[in-house]
Amino acid sequence: MVDKVLTANRLTDGVAVWLNANGEWVLSLQEALVARHAEAVAAIEEIGKKSYADNKVVDVAVVDVQEVNGQLWPLRLRERIRAQGPTMEYAPGYKPADPEFIAV
């Protein structure tokens, strides 16, 4: 099975967030809880459903990742962009994505 993490967009401002091991939504993919078996994936999906129902996040999704040299890398380009931020100036305090991180 491929490792997975849970991502969503924060309801208050739309910024991409990741579920960490404490059940909190954080801004860094590198802090995300990695689900390595089916039971763990089911558990994070339930947390995502509850967070959605509680109006904390929207667009909840399980994302495939791999660990490379101690760093999590989403397998899909869309998720790499979400993990690093937009590819252009977006909002104060959010810099554009690192082109090398999102490179295919």
PDB file of N, CA and C in Angstrom:
ATOM      1  N   MET A   1       0.830  -1.178   0.000  1.00  0.00           N
ATOM      2  CA  MET A   1       0.000   0.000   0.000  1.00  0.00           C
ATOM      3  C   MET A   1       0.882   1.252   0.000  1.00  0.00           C
ATOM      4  N   VAL A   2       0.434   2.260  -0.701  1.00  0.00           N
ATOM      5  CA  VAL A   2       1.122   3.546  -0.761  1.00  0.00           C
ATOM      6  C   VAL A   2       0.786   4.334   0.505  1.00  0.00           C
ATOM      7  N   ASP A   3       1.770   5.036   1.065  1.00  0.00           N
ATOM      8  CA  ASP A   3       1.521   5.886   2.227  1.00  0.00           C
ATOM      9  C   ASP A   3       0.548   6.997   1.846  1.00  0.00           C
ATOM     10  N   LYS A   4      -0.256   7.421   2.835  1.00  0.00           N
ATOM     11  CA  LYS A   4      -1.273   8.440   2.575  1.00  0.00           C
ATOM     12  C   LYS A   4      -1.313   9.450   3.703  1.00  0.00           C
ATOM     13  N   VAL A   5      -1.737  10.671   3.368  1.00  0.00           N
ATOM     14  CA  VAL A   5      -1.976  11.726   4.345  1.00  0.00           C
ATOM     15  C   VAL A   5      -3.344  12.321   4.031  1.00  0.00           C
ATOM     16  N   LEU A   6      -3.878  13.074   4.996  1.00  0.00           N
ATOM     17  CA  LEU A   6      -5.170  13.715   4.800  1.00  0.00           C
ATOM     18  C   LEU A   6      -4.964  15.212   4.636  1.00  0.00           C
ATOM     19  N   THR A   7      -5.557  15.759   3.599  1.00  0.00           N
ATOM     20  CA  THR A   7      -5.472  17.193   3.340  1.00  0.00           C
ATOM     21  C   THR A   7      -6.873  17.754   3.195  1.00  0.00           C
ATOM     22  N   ALA A   8      -6.953  19.068   3.303  1.00  0.00           N
ATOM     23  CA  ALA A   8      -8.220  19.782   3.137  1.00  0.00           C
ATOM     24  C   ALA A   8      -7.883  21.247   2.922  1.00  0.00           C
ATOM     25  N   ASN A   9      -8.915  22.050   2.798  1.00  0.00           N
ATOM     26  CA  ASN A   9      -8.748  23.497   2.765  1.00  0.00           C
ATOM     27  C   ASN A   9      -9.449  24.069   3.986  1.00  0.00           C
ATOM     28  N   ARG A  10      -8.743  24.932   4.683  1.00  0.00           N
ATOM     29  CA  ARG A  10      -9.302  25.572   5.868  1.00  0.00           C
ATOM     30  C   ARG A  10     -10.501  26.409   5.444  1.00  0.00           C
ATOM     31  N   LEU A  11     -11.595  26.286   6.158  1.00  0.00           N
ATOM     32  CA  LEU A  11     -12.826  26.965   5.784  1.00  0.00           C
ATOM     33  C   LEU A  11     -12.705  28.481   5.873  1.00  0.00           C
ATOM     34  N   THR A  12     -11.939  28.971   6.827  1.00  0.00           N
ATOM     35  CA  THR A  12     -11.869  30.420   7.047  1.00  0.00           C
ATOM     36  C   THR A  12     -11.194  31.191   5.921  1.00  0.00           C
ATOM     37  N   ASP A  13     -10.185  30.564   5.255  1.00  0.00           N
ATOM     38  CA  ASP A  13      -9.461  31.307   4.219  1.00  0.00           C
ATOM     39  C   ASP A  13      -9.081  30.476   2.993  1.00  0.00           C
ATOM     40  N   GLY A  14      -9.429  29.203   2.975  1.00  0.00           N
ATOM     41  CA  GLY A  14      -9.155  28.362   1.814  1.00  0.00           C
ATOM     42  C   GLY A  14      -7.753  27.817   1.714  1.00  0.00           C
ATOM     43  N   VAL A  15      -6.893  28.117   2.681  1.00  0.00           N
ATOM     44  CA  VAL A  15      -5.505  27.663   2.640  1.00  0.00           C
ATOM     45  C   VAL A  15      -5.450  26.146   2.830  1.00  0.00           C
ATOM     46  N   ALA A  16      -4.563  25.480   2.085  1.00  0.00           N
ATOM     47  CA  ALA A  16      -4.382  24.030   2.205  1.00  0.00           C
ATOM     48  C   ALA A  16      -3.814  23.689   3.574  1.00  0.00           C
ATOM     49  N   VAL A  17      -4.389  22.660   4.195  1.00  0.00           N
ATOM     50  CA  VAL A  17      -3.939  22.194   5.503  1.00  0.00           C
ATOM     51  C   VAL A  17      -3.819  20.673   5.478  1.00  0.00           C
ATOM     52  N   TRP A  18      -3.091  20.140   6.460  1.00  0.00           N
ATOM     53  CA  TRP A  18      -2.786  18.712   6.543  1.00  0.00           C
ATOM     54  C   TRP A  18      -3.062  18.249   7.970  1.00  0.00           C
ATOM     55  N   LEU A  19      -3.600  17.063   8.124  1.00  0.00           N
ATOM     56  CA  LEU A  19      -3.898  16.530   9.452  1.00  0.00           C
ATOM     57  C   LEU A  19      -2.631  15.985  10.094  1.00  0.00           C
ATOM     58  N   ASN A  20      -2.343  16.423  11.336  1.00  0.00           N
ATOM     59  CA  ASN A  20      -1.150  15.908  12.011  1.00  0.00           C
ATOM     60  C   ASN A  20      -1.530  14.814  13.017  1.00  0.00           C
ATOM     61  N   ALA A  21      -0.546  14.271  13.705  1.00  0.00           N
ATOM     62  CA  ALA A  21      -0.761  13.150  14.621  1.00  0.00           C
ATOM     63  C   ALA A  21      -1.584  13.537  15.844  1.00  0.00           C
ATOM     64  N   ASN A  22      -1.715  14.833  16.133  1.00  0.00           N
ATOM     65  CA  ASN A  22      -2.526  15.297  17.253  1.00  0.00           C
ATOM     66  C   ASN A  22      -3.964  15.589  16.848  1.00  0.00           C
ATOM     67  N   GLY A  23      -4.294  15.310  15.571  1.00  0.00           N
ATOM     68  CA  GLY A  23      -5.647  15.579  15.089  1.00  0.00           C
ATOM     69  C   GLY A  23      -5.886  17.042  14.767  1.00  0.00           C
ATOM     70  N   GLU A  24      -4.800  17.803  14.603  1.00  0.00           N
ATOM     71  CA  GLU A  24      -4.892  19.222  14.282  1.00  0.00           C
ATOM     72  C   GLU A  24      -4.603  19.434  12.801  1.00  0.00           C
ATOM     73  N   TRP A  25      -5.173  20.476  12.242  1.00  0.00           N
ATOM     74  CA  TRP A  25      -4.904  20.851  10.858  1.00  0.00           C
ATOM     75  C   TRP A  25      -3.735  21.832  10.847  1.00  0.00           C
ATOM     76  N   VAL A  26      -2.662  21.454  10.173  1.00  0.00           N
ATOM     77  CA  VAL A  26      -1.438  22.254  10.137  1.00  0.00           C
ATOM     78  C   VAL A  26      -1.130  22.694   8.711  1.00  0.00           C
ATOM     79  N   LEU A  27      -0.277  23.703   8.585  1.00  0.00           N
ATOM     80  CA  LEU A  27       0.042  24.269   7.271  1.00  0.00           C
ATOM     81  C   LEU A  27       1.110  23.498   6.508  1.00  0.00           C
ATOM     82  N   SER A  28       1.861  22.644   7.188  1.00  0.00           N
ATOM     83  CA  SER A  28       2.984  21.962   6.551  1.00  0.00           C
ATOM     84  C   SER A  28       2.707  20.482   6.303  1.00  0.00           C
ATOM     85  N   LEU A  29       2.868  20.071   5.061  1.00  0.00           N
ATOM     86  CA  LEU A  29       2.774  18.652   4.726  1.00  0.00           C
ATOM     87  C   LEU A  29       3.759  17.835   5.550  1.00  0.00           C
ATOM     88  N   GLN A  30       4.920  18.400   5.821  1.00  0.00           N
ATOM     89  CA  GLN A  30       5.962  17.666   6.543  1.00  0.00           C
ATOM     90  C   GLN A  30       5.553  17.322   7.977  1.00  0.00           C
ATOM     91  N   GLU A  31       4.540  17.974   8.495  1.00  0.00           N
ATOM     92  CA  GLU A  31       4.027  17.681   9.843  1.00  0.00           C
ATOM     93  C   GLU A  31       2.862  16.695   9.812  1.00  0.00           C
ATOM     94  N   ALA A  32       2.444  16.272   8.632  1.00  0.00           N
ATOM     95  CA  ALA A  32       1.253  15.427   8.496  1.00  0.00           C
ATOM     96  C   ALA A  32       1.460  14.028   9.063  1.00  0.00           C
ATOM     97  N   LEU A  33       0.380  13.483   9.592  1.00  0.00           N
ATOM     98  CA  LEU A  33       0.345  12.090  10.027  1.00  0.00           C
ATOM     99  C   LEU A  33       0.318  11.219   8.780  1.00  0.00           C
ATOM    100  N   VAL A  34       1.206  10.244   8.705  1.00  0.00           N
ATOM    101  CA  VAL A  34       1.256   9.343   7.549  1.00  0.00           C
ATOM    102  C   VAL A  34       0.533   8.058   7.896  1.00  0.00           C
ATOM    103  N   ALA A  35      -0.481   7.725   7.102  1.00  0.00           N
ATOM    104  CA  ALA A  35      -1.238   6.480   7.275  1.00  0.00           C
ATOM    105  C   ALA A  35      -0.564   5.409   6.418  1.00  0.00           C
ATOM    106  N   ARG A  36      -0.131   4.335   7.063  1.00  0.00           N
ATOM    107  CA  ARG A  36       0.632   3.308   6.358  1.00  0.00           C
ATOM    108  C   ARG A  36      -0.113   1.986   6.198  1.00  0.00           C
ATOM    109  N   HIS A  37      -1.379   1.936   6.656  1.00  0.00           N
ATOM    110  CA  HIS A  37      -2.188   0.724   6.472  1.00  0.00           C
ATOM    111  C   HIS A  37      -3.661   1.109   6.390  1.00  0.00           C
ATOM    112  N   ALA A  38      -4.497   0.191   5.927  1.00  0.00           N
ATOM    113  CA  ALA A  38      -5.900   0.481   5.652  1.00  0.00           C
ATOM    114  C   ALA A  38      -6.654   1.006   6.870  1.00  0.00           C
ATOM    115  N   GLU A  39      -6.375   0.478   8.032  1.00  0.00           N
ATOM    116  CA  GLU A  39      -7.075   0.922   9.239  1.00  0.00           C
ATOM    117  C   GLU A  39      -6.742   2.381   9.557  1.00  0.00           C
ATOM    118  N   ALA A  40      -5.491   2.758   9.354  1.00  0.00           N
ATOM    119  CA  ALA A  40      -5.082   4.141   9.594  1.00  0.00           C
ATOM    120  C   ALA A  40      -5.742   5.081   8.590  1.00  0.00           C
ATOM    121  N   VAL A  41      -5.852   4.652   7.346  1.00  0.00           N
ATOM    122  CA  VAL A  41      -6.517   5.469   6.327  1.00  0.00           C
ATOM    123  C   VAL A  41      -7.982   5.669   6.706  1.00  0.00           C
ATOM    124  N   ALA A  42      -8.640   4.601   7.129  1.00  0.00           N
ATOM    125  CA  ALA A  42     -10.043   4.707   7.546  1.00  0.00           C
ATOM    126  C   ALA A  42     -10.182   5.679   8.718  1.00  0.00           C
ATOM    127  N   ALA A  43      -9.249   5.642   9.647  1.00  0.00           N
ATOM    128  CA  ALA A  43      -9.301   6.527  10.815  1.00  0.00           C
ATOM    129  C   ALA A  43      -9.146   7.992  10.418  1.00  0.00           C
ATOM    130  N   ILE A  44      -8.186   8.295   9.537  1.00  0.00           N
ATOM    131  CA  ILE A  44      -8.020   9.695   9.147  1.00  0.00           C
ATOM    132  C   ILE A  44      -9.194  10.182   8.298  1.00  0.00           C
ATOM    133  N   GLU A  45      -9.785   9.280   7.514  1.00  0.00           N
ATOM    134  CA  GLU A  45     -10.966   9.666   6.745  1.00  0.00           C
ATOM    135  C   GLU A  45     -12.108  10.067   7.674  1.00  0.00           C
ATOM    136  N   GLU A  46     -12.281   9.342   8.764  1.00  0.00           N
ATOM    137  CA  GLU A  46     -13.327   9.673   9.738  1.00  0.00           C
ATOM    138  C   GLU A  46     -13.065  11.024  10.395  1.00  0.00           C
ATOM    139  N   ILE A  47     -11.817  11.300  10.715  1.00  0.00           N
ATOM    140  CA  ILE A  47     -11.466  12.605  11.291  1.00  0.00           C
ATOM    141  C   ILE A  47     -11.788  13.707  10.287  1.00  0.00           C
ATOM    142  N   GLY A  48     -11.475  13.465   9.019  1.00  0.00           N
ATOM    143  CA  GLY A  48     -11.779  14.439   7.973  1.00  0.00           C
ATOM    144  C   GLY A  48     -13.270  14.693   7.841  1.00  0.00           C
ATOM    145  N   LYS A  49     -14.076  13.632   7.905  1.00  0.00           N
ATOM    146  CA  LYS A  49     -15.534  13.792   7.820  1.00  0.00           C
ATOM    147  C   LYS A  49     -16.057  14.613   8.991  1.00  0.00           C
ATOM    148  N   LYS A  50     -15.522  14.369  10.186  1.00  0.00           N
ATOM    149  CA  LYS A  50     -15.964  15.120  11.357  1.00  0.00           C
ATOM    150  C   LYS A  50     -15.542  16.584  11.250  1.00  0.00           C
ATOM    151  N   SER A  51     -14.322  16.835  10.815  1.00  0.00           N
ATOM    152  CA  SER A  51     -13.863  18.217  10.650  1.00  0.00           C
ATOM    153  C   SER A  51     -14.697  18.962   9.618  1.00  0.00           C
ATOM    154  N   TYR A  52     -15.094  18.262   8.567  1.00  0.00           N
ATOM    155  CA  TYR A  52     -15.967  18.857   7.550  1.00  0.00           C
ATOM    156  C   TYR A  52     -17.339  19.159   8.160  1.00  0.00           C
ATOM    157  N   ALA A  53     -17.896  18.202   8.869  1.00  0.00           N
ATOM    158  CA  ALA A  53     -19.207  18.382   9.499  1.00  0.00           C
ATOM    159  C   ALA A  53     -19.182  19.508  10.533  1.00  0.00           C
ATOM    160  N   ASP A  54     -18.028  19.705  11.184  1.00  0.00           N
ATOM    161  CA  ASP A  54     -17.873  20.765  12.187  1.00  0.00           C
ATOM    162  C   ASP A  54     -17.511  22.113  11.557  1.00  0.00           C
ATOM    163  N   ASN A  55     -17.535  22.183  10.222  1.00  0.00           N
ATOM    164  CA  ASN A  55     -17.237  23.419   9.484  1.00  0.00           C
ATOM    165  C   ASN A  55     -15.841  23.966   9.744  1.00  0.00           C
ATOM    166  N   LYS A  56     -14.879  23.072   9.900  1.00  0.00           N
ATOM    167  CA  LYS A  56     -13.487  23.486  10.058  1.00  0.00           C
ATOM    168  C   LYS A  56     -12.766  23.503   8.715  1.00  0.00           C
ATOM    169  N   VAL A  57     -13.078  22.527   7.852  1.00  0.00           N
ATOM    170  CA  VAL A  57     -12.396  22.378   6.567  1.00  0.00           C
ATOM    171  C   VAL A  57     -13.390  21.973   5.477  1.00  0.00           C
ATOM    172  N   VAL A  58     -12.942  22.149   4.227  1.00  0.00           N
ATOM    173  CA  VAL A  58     -13.685  21.682   3.057  1.00  0.00           C
ATOM    174  C   VAL A  58     -12.714  20.945   2.141  1.00  0.00           C
ATOM    175  N   ASP A  59     -13.243  20.283   1.134  1.00  0.00           N
ATOM    176  CA  ASP A  59     -12.423  19.586   0.137  1.00  0.00           C
ATOM    177  C   ASP A  59     -11.445  18.615   0.792  1.00  0.00           C
ATOM    178  N   VAL A  60     -11.948  17.798   1.706  1.00  0.00           N
ATOM    179  CA  VAL A  60     -11.118  16.822   2.414  1.00  0.00           C
ATOM    180  C   VAL A  60     -10.756  15.693   1.450  1.00  0.00           C
ATOM    181  N   ALA A  61      -9.473  15.299   1.440  1.00  0.00           N
ATOM    182  CA  ALA A  61      -9.019  14.250   0.530  1.00  0.00           C
ATOM    183  C   ALA A  61      -7.835  13.486   1.116  1.00  0.00           C
ATOM    184  N   VAL A  62      -7.818  12.200   0.847  1.00  0.00           N
ATOM    185  CA  VAL A  62      -6.660  11.368   1.178  1.00  0.00           C
ATOM    186  C   VAL A  62      -5.715  11.456  -0.001  1.00  0.00           C
ATOM    187  N   VAL A  63      -4.436  11.699   0.277  1.00  0.00           N
ATOM    188  CA  VAL A  63      -3.440  11.934  -0.762  1.00  0.00           C
ATOM    189  C   VAL A  63      -2.317  10.909  -0.655  1.00  0.00           C
ATOM    190  N   ASP A  64      -1.920  10.358  -1.794  1.00  0.00           N
ATOM    191  CA  ASP A  64      -0.780   9.437  -1.839  1.00  0.00           C
ATOM    192  C   ASP A  64       0.517  10.222  -1.713  1.00  0.00           C
ATOM    193  N   VAL A  65       1.411   9.737  -0.842  1.00  0.00           N
ATOM    194  CA  VAL A  65       2.718  10.365  -0.665  1.00  0.00           C
ATOM    195  C   VAL A  65       3.798   9.294  -0.630  1.00  0.00           C
ATOM    196  N   GLN A  66       5.019   9.743  -0.849  1.00  0.00           N
ATOM    197  CA  GLN A  66       6.177   8.870  -0.639  1.00  0.00           C
ATOM    198  C   GLN A  66       7.203   9.661   0.156  1.00  0.00           C
ATOM    199  N   GLU A  67       8.003   8.945   0.902  1.00  0.00           N
ATOM    200  CA  GLU A  67       9.053   9.609   1.665  1.00  0.00           C
ATOM    201  C   GLU A  67      10.357   9.472   0.902  1.00  0.00           C
ATOM    202  N   VAL A  68      10.986  10.605   0.636  1.00  0.00           N
ATOM    203  CA  VAL A  68      12.248  10.635  -0.092  1.00  0.00           C
ATOM    204  C   VAL A  68      13.239  11.448   0.745  1.00  0.00           C
ATOM    205  N   ASN A  69      14.304  10.788   1.179  1.00  0.00           N
ATOM    206  CA  ASN A  69      15.323  11.451   2.004  1.00  0.00           C
ATOM    207  C   ASN A  69      14.711  12.171   3.202  1.00  0.00           C
ATOM    208  N   GLY A  70      13.743  11.513   3.841  1.00  0.00           N
ATOM    209  CA  GLY A  70      13.124  12.067   5.034  1.00  0.00           C
ATOM    210  C   GLY A  70      12.093  13.152   4.786  1.00  0.00           C
ATOM    211  N   GLN A  71      11.743  13.388   3.532  1.00  0.00           N
ATOM    212  CA  GLN A  71      10.769  14.423   3.204  1.00  0.00           C
ATOM    213  C   GLN A  71       9.577  13.792   2.497  1.00  0.00           C
ATOM    214  N   LEU A  72       8.368  14.211   2.874  1.00  0.00           N
ATOM    215  CA  LEU A  72       7.161  13.716   2.221  1.00  0.00           C
ATOM    216  C   LEU A  72       6.958  14.425   0.886  1.00  0.00           C
ATOM    217  N   TRP A  73       6.646  13.648  -0.143  1.00  0.00           N
ATOM    218  CA  TRP A  73       6.387  14.179  -1.476  1.00  0.00           C
ATOM    219  C   TRP A  73       5.055  13.610  -1.966  1.00  0.00           C
ATOM    220  N   PRO A  74       4.074  14.449  -2.242  1.00  0.00           N
ATOM    221  CA  PRO A  74       2.845  13.938  -2.851  1.00  0.00           C
ATOM    222  C   PRO A  74       3.157  13.374  -4.230  1.00  0.00           C
ATOM    223  N   LEU A  75       2.450  12.325  -4.612  1.00  0.00           N
ATOM    224  CA  LEU A  75       2.697  11.713  -5.913  1.00  0.00           C
ATOM    225  C   LEU A  75       2.079  12.516  -7.053  1.00  0.00           C
ATOM    226  N   ARG A  76       0.985  13.225  -6.788  1.00  0.00           N
ATOM    227  CA  ARG A  76       0.328  14.012  -7.836  1.00  0.00           C
ATOM    228  C   ARG A  76       0.830  15.451  -7.831  1.00  0.00           C
ATOM    229  N   LEU A  77       0.991  16.024  -8.996  1.00  0.00           N
ATOM    230  CA  LEU A  77       1.438  17.410  -9.141  1.00  0.00           C
ATOM    231  C   LEU A  77       0.502  18.366  -8.407  1.00  0.00           C
ATOM    232  N   ARG A  78      -0.792  18.173  -8.529  1.00  0.00           N
ATOM    233  CA  ARG A  78      -1.759  19.057  -7.859  1.00  0.00           C
ATOM    234  C   ARG A  78      -1.462  19.143  -6.366  1.00  0.00           C
ATOM    235  N   GLU A  79      -1.181  18.019  -5.755  1.00  0.00           N
ATOM    236  CA  GLU A  79      -0.936  18.005  -4.321  1.00  0.00           C
ATOM    237  C   GLU A  79       0.433  18.588  -3.963  1.00  0.00           C
ATOM    238  N   ARG A  80       1.405  18.461  -4.852  1.00  0.00           N
ATOM    239  CA  ARG A  80       2.697  19.103  -4.611  1.00  0.00           C
ATOM    240  C   ARG A  80       2.542  20.620  -4.605  1.00  0.00           C
ATOM    241  N   ILE A  81       1.733  21.131  -5.520  1.00  0.00           N
ATOM    242  CA  ILE A  81       1.471  22.567  -5.556  1.00  0.00           C
ATOM    243  C   ILE A  81       0.734  22.986  -4.289  1.00  0.00           C
ATOM    244  N   ARG A  82      -0.264  22.223  -3.885  1.00  0.00           N
ATOM    245  CA  ARG A  82      -1.006  22.553  -2.662  1.00  0.00           C
ATOM    246  C   ARG A  82      -0.091  22.527  -1.439  1.00  0.00           C
ATOM    247  N   ALA A  83       0.861  21.592  -1.418  1.00  0.00           N
ATOM    248  CA  ALA A  83       1.765  21.466  -0.275  1.00  0.00           C
ATOM    249  C   ALA A  83       2.724  22.643  -0.175  1.00  0.00           C
ATOM    250  N   GLN A  84       3.103  23.204  -1.304  1.00  0.00           N
ATOM    251  CA  GLN A  84       4.100  24.285  -1.321  1.00  0.00           C
ATOM    252  C   GLN A  84       3.489  25.659  -1.453  1.00  0.00           C
ATOM    253  N   GLY A  85       2.224  25.728  -1.746  1.00  0.00           N
ATOM    254  CA  GLY A  85       1.585  27.020  -1.954  1.00  0.00           C
ATOM    255  C   GLY A  85       1.343  27.245  -3.427  1.00  0.00           C
ATOM    256  N   PRO A  86       0.645  28.290  -3.769  1.00  0.00           N
ATOM    257  CA  PRO A  86       0.302  28.551  -5.166  1.00  0.00           C
ATOM    258  C   PRO A  86       1.555  28.814  -6.006  1.00  0.00           C
ATOM    259  N   THR A  87       1.406  28.721  -7.309  1.00  0.00           N
ATOM    260  CA  THR A  87       2.535  28.934  -8.209  1.00  0.00           C
ATOM    261  C   THR A  87       2.727  30.416  -8.532  1.00  0.00           C
ATOM    262  N   MET A  88       1.926  31.271  -7.924  1.00  0.00           N
ATOM    263  CA  MET A  88       2.033  32.711  -8.139  1.00  0.00           C
ATOM    264  C   MET A  88       1.780  33.415  -6.811  1.00  0.00           C
ATOM    265  N   GLU A  89       2.012  34.714  -6.761  1.00  0.00           N
ATOM    266  CA  GLU A  89       1.689  35.491  -5.561  1.00  0.00           C
ATOM    267  C   GLU A  89       0.196  35.339  -5.303  1.00  0.00           C
ATOM    268  N   TYR A  90      -0.162  35.011  -4.074  1.00  0.00           N
ATOM    269  CA  TYR A  90      -1.553  34.710  -3.766  1.00  0.00           C
ATOM    270  C   TYR A  90      -2.127  35.657  -2.710  1.00  0.00           C
ATOM    271  N   ALA A  91      -1.499  35.684  -1.574  1.00  0.00           N
ATOM    272  CA  ALA A  91      -1.988  36.503  -0.471  1.00  0.00           C
ATOM    273  C   ALA A  91      -0.807  36.866   0.415  1.00  0.00           C
ATOM    274  N   PRO A  92      -0.908  37.955   1.140  1.00  0.00           N
ATOM    275  CA  PRO A  92       0.181  38.334   2.043  1.00  0.00           C
ATOM    276  C   PRO A  92       0.524  37.185   2.993  1.00  0.00           C
ATOM    277  N   GLY A  93       1.808  36.915   3.113  1.00  0.00           N
ATOM    278  CA  GLY A  93       2.260  35.856   4.007  1.00  0.00           C
ATOM    279  C   GLY A  93       2.396  34.491   3.355  1.00  0.00           C
ATOM    280  N   TYR A  94       2.007  34.357   2.099  1.00  0.00           N
ATOM    281  CA  TYR A  94       2.087  33.077   1.390  1.00  0.00           C
ATOM    282  C   TYR A  94       2.936  33.252   0.142  1.00  0.00           C
ATOM    283  N   LYS A  95       4.124  32.683   0.172  1.00  0.00           N
ATOM    284  CA  LYS A  95       5.025  32.824  -0.968  1.00  0.00           C
ATOM    285  C   LYS A  95       4.694  31.766  -2.023  1.00  0.00           C
ATOM    286  N   PRO A  96       5.099  31.996  -3.266  1.00  0.00           N
ATOM    287  CA  PRO A  96       4.860  31.022  -4.320  1.00  0.00           C
ATOM    288  C   PRO A  96       5.605  29.702  -4.058  1.00  0.00           C
ATOM    289  N   ALA A  97       5.117  28.645  -4.662  1.00  0.00           N
ATOM    290  CA  ALA A  97       5.698  27.319  -4.508  1.00  0.00           C
ATOM    291  C   ALA A  97       7.138  27.260  -5.003  1.00  0.00           C
ATOM    292  N   ASP A  98       7.925  26.390  -4.404  1.00  0.00           N
ATOM    293  CA  ASP A  98       9.293  26.115  -4.829  1.00  0.00           C
ATOM    294  C   ASP A  98       9.216  25.306  -6.123  1.00  0.00           C
ATOM    295  N   PRO A  99       9.680  25.835  -7.256  1.00  0.00           N
ATOM    296  CA  PRO A  99       9.581  25.115  -8.532  1.00  0.00           C
ATOM    297  C   PRO A  99      10.218  23.739  -8.516  1.00  0.00           C
ATOM    298  N   GLU A 100      11.302  23.553  -7.748  1.00  0.00           N
ATOM    299  CA  GLU A 100      11.951  22.250  -7.712  1.00  0.00           C
ATOM    300  C   GLU A 100      11.097  21.214  -6.981  1.00  0.00           C
ATOM    301  N   PHE A 101      10.338  21.660  -5.966  1.00  0.00           N
ATOM    302  CA  PHE A 101       9.479  20.732  -5.227  1.00  0.00           C
ATOM    303  C   PHE A 101       8.329  20.243  -6.092  1.00  0.00           C
ATOM    304  N   ILE A 102       7.776  21.140  -6.920  1.00  0.00           N
ATOM    305  CA  ILE A 102       6.620  20.743  -7.718  1.00  0.00           C
ATOM    306  C   ILE A 102       7.006  20.186  -9.085  1.00  0.00           C
ATOM    307  N   ALA A 103       8.287  20.208  -9.418  1.00  0.00           N
ATOM    308  CA  ALA A 103       8.732  19.691 -10.723  1.00  0.00           C
ATOM    309  C   ALA A 103       8.393  18.213 -10.855  1.00  0.00           C
ATOM    310  N   VAL A 104       8.023  17.847 -12.043  1.00  0.00           N
ATOM    311  CA  VAL A 104       7.648  16.443 -12.320  1.00  0.00           C
ATOM    312  C   VAL A 104       8.877  15.669 -12.723  1.00  0.00           C
TER     313      VAL A 104
END
